[in-house]
Protein backbone atom coordinates (compact mmCIF):
# COMPACT_ATOMS: atom_id res chain seq x y z
CA MET A 1 0.00 0.00 0.00
CA GLU A 2 2.84 2.40 0.81
CA TYR A 3 4.21 1.87 -2.70
CA ASN A 4 0.86 2.89 -4.19
CA ASN A 5 0.85 6.00 -1.97
CA PHE A 6 4.32 6.84 -3.26
CA ILE A 7 3.15 6.49 -6.88
CA ILE A 8 0.13 8.71 -6.17
CA ALA A 9 2.38 11.27 -4.45
CA ARG A 10 4.76 11.32 -7.42
CA ALA A 11 1.90 11.68 -9.90
CA LEU A 12 0.36 14.52 -7.86
CA HIS A 13 3.80 16.11 -7.61
CA ILE A 14 4.28 16.10 -11.39
CA VAL A 15 0.74 17.34 -12.14
CA ALA A 16 1.10 20.16 -9.61
CA ILE A 17 4.45 21.20 -11.09
CA VAL A 18 3.04 21.15 -14.62
CA MET A 19 0.15 23.39 -13.55
CA TRP A 20 2.37 25.69 -11.46
CA ILE A 21 5.35 26.19 -13.77
CA GLY A 22 3.13 26.06 -16.86
CA GLY A 23 1.13 28.93 -15.38
CA VAL A 24 4.30 30.87 -14.64
CA ALA A 25 5.41 30.27 -18.24
CA PHE A 26 2.07 31.57 -19.55
CA VAL A 27 2.19 34.69 -17.38
CA THR A 28 5.84 35.32 -18.31
CA THR A 29 5.77 34.62 -22.04
CA VAL A 30 2.19 35.50 -23.03
CA LEU A 31 0.27 37.57 -20.49
CA ILE A 32 2.84 40.19 -19.47
CA PRO A 33 4.24 40.72 -23.00
CA SER A 34 0.70 41.05 -24.40
CA ILE A 35 -0.27 43.64 -21.84
CA ARG A 36 3.03 45.50 -22.29
CA SER A 37 2.63 45.68 -26.07
CA ALA A 38 -1.05 46.65 -26.09
CA LYS A 39 -1.46 50.25 -27.21
CA SER A 40 -5.16 50.73 -26.61
CA ILE A 41 -5.53 49.43 -23.07
CA ASP A 42 -6.10 52.39 -20.76
CA ASN A 43 -5.61 50.51 -17.53
CA LYS A 44 -2.95 47.83 -18.00
CA LEU A 45 -2.51 47.48 -14.26
CA HIS A 46 -6.19 46.64 -13.68
CA LEU A 47 -6.19 44.11 -16.53
CA PHE A 48 -3.02 42.43 -15.27
CA GLU A 49 -4.27 42.22 -11.69
CA MET A 50 -7.61 40.82 -12.83
CA LEU A 51 -6.07 38.12 -15.04
CA GLU A 52 -3.17 37.18 -12.79
CA GLY A 53 -5.49 37.14 -9.78
CA LYS A 54 -7.27 34.19 -11.36
CA PHE A 55 -3.93 32.36 -11.45
CA GLY A 56 -3.02 33.25 -7.85
CA PHE A 57 -5.19 30.57 -6.25
CA GLN A 58 -3.92 27.93 -8.69
CA ALA A 59 -0.32 28.91 -7.98
CA LYS A 60 -0.81 28.73 -4.22
CA LEU A 61 -2.66 25.41 -4.37
CA THR A 62 -0.12 23.78 -6.67
CA THR A 63 2.88 24.94 -4.63
CA VAL A 64 1.25 23.46 -1.52
CA ILE A 65 0.59 20.16 -3.32
CA THR A 66 4.14 20.20 -4.70
CA GLY A 67 5.61 20.77 -1.24
CA ILE A 68 3.50 18.16 0.55
CA SER A 69 4.05 15.49 -2.09
CA GLY A 70 7.76 16.26 -2.46
CA PHE A 71 8.49 16.17 1.26
CA TYR A 72 6.34 13.03 1.60
CA MET A 73 8.42 11.27 -1.07
CA LEU A 74 11.68 12.33 0.59
CA ASP A 75 10.40 10.98 3.89
CA VAL A 76 9.19 7.67 2.44
CA MET A 77 12.53 7.15 0.68
CA ASN A 78 14.39 8.24 3.82
CA ALA A 79 16.40 10.45 1.48
CA TRP A 80 16.99 13.47 3.71
CA SER A 81 20.67 12.72 4.29
CA THR A 82 21.38 11.47 0.78
CA MET A 83 19.60 14.11 -1.31
CA ASN A 84 21.28 14.77 -4.62
CA TRP A 85 22.19 18.33 -5.58
CA TRP A 86 19.23 18.69 -7.96
CA ILE A 87 16.78 18.04 -5.14
CA HIS A 88 18.28 21.02 -3.31
CA ILE A 89 17.61 23.16 -6.42
CA MET A 90 14.00 21.95 -6.57
CA ILE A 91 13.47 22.72 -2.87
CA PHE A 92 15.08 26.15 -3.34
CA VAL A 93 12.72 27.01 -6.21
CA TRP A 94 9.72 25.74 -4.25
CA PHE A 95 10.81 27.80 -1.22
CA ILE A 96 11.26 31.00 -3.26
CA PHE A 97 7.80 30.67 -4.85
CA THR A 98 6.18 29.78 -1.53
CA LEU A 99 7.83 32.80 0.10
CA VAL A 100 6.71 35.10 -2.74
CA LEU A 101 3.15 33.74 -3.02
CA PHE A 102 2.30 33.52 0.68
CA LEU A 103 4.34 36.34 2.24
CA LEU A 104 6.07 38.81 -0.06
CA GLU A 105 3.32 39.29 -2.65
CA PRO A 106 0.42 39.90 -0.25
CA LEU A 107 2.44 41.89 2.29
CA ILE A 108 4.86 43.91 0.12
CA LEU A 109 5.03 43.23 -3.62
CA HIS A 110 1.39 43.84 -4.56
CA ARG A 111 1.35 47.34 -3.07
CA TRP A 112 4.88 48.13 -4.33
CA PHE A 113 4.08 47.09 -7.91
CA HIS A 114 0.78 48.98 -7.86
CA GLN A 115 2.55 52.18 -6.76
CA LYS A 116 5.30 51.77 -9.37
CA ALA A 117 2.76 51.05 -12.14
CA GLU A 118 0.76 54.16 -11.32
CA LYS A 119 3.93 56.29 -11.67
CA ASN A 120 5.44 54.58 -14.72
CA THR A 121 3.48 51.68 -16.19
CA GLU A 122 6.07 50.71 -18.80
CA LYS A 123 8.95 50.57 -16.33
CA ALA A 124 6.90 48.66 -13.75
CA PHE A 125 5.84 46.05 -16.32
CA PHE A 126 9.43 45.77 -17.59
CA TYR A 127 10.62 44.89 -14.08
CA LEU A 128 7.66 42.57 -13.57
CA GLN A 129 8.52 40.68 -16.75
CA LEU A 130 12.21 40.58 -15.83
CA MET A 131 11.42 39.12 -12.39
CA HIS A 132 9.07 36.54 -13.91
CA THR A 133 11.66 35.63 -16.56
CA ILE A 134 14.30 35.00 -13.89
CA LEU A 135 11.90 32.90 -11.81
CA LEU A 136 10.77 30.94 -14.86
CA SER A 137 14.36 30.31 -15.97
CA VAL A 138 15.41 29.03 -12.55
CA SER A 139 12.25 26.90 -12.42
CA LEU A 140 12.91 25.31 -15.80
CA ILE A 141 16.51 24.58 -14.80
CA ALA A 142 15.21 22.89 -11.65
CA VAL A 143 12.66 20.85 -13.63
CA PHE A 144 15.31 19.80 -16.15
CA CYS A 145 17.80 18.84 -13.44
CA GLY A 146 15.15 17.01 -11.42
CA VAL A 147 13.94 14.92 -14.35
CA ALA A 148 17.43 14.29 -15.73
CA GLY A 149 18.78 13.45 -12.28
CA ALA A 150 15.91 11.11 -11.43
CA HIS A 151 16.57 9.25 -14.68
CA GLY A 152 20.29 8.82 -14.09
CA LEU A 153 21.90 11.54 -16.21
CA PHE A 154 24.11 12.75 -13.38
CA PHE A 155 25.28 9.35 -12.10
């Protein structure tokens, strides 16, 4: 039975990561550039907050599922002391997103971005896209290393 639980945890882990990082990729490569390049939108900030707000719940839920399933698998495998370097990268990325989604964004970043966008929309959206691009790049590196490492590339 424990083996079946492990398989379910791994499947949930992968699905949650696909939804989470896929959403980040969409926001980074489609949503933000589309809003930045739109000439006729009077209130880009309102549109961005409305659309990204729909993704916020999904991002929070999938990072929670990713964390619970990932830490469960580490515990079942008793792998805490023998974690490979790519697992540390995955945990780091998960930690950064969890910190941003649950603490920094609601307490600091939302208000900061709103103030910056009201003063200079183009500059604020440039920095927003830059931040998302960095987070997406680090996330994709972690996904690549995790999959490649789990399949023996680094042995």
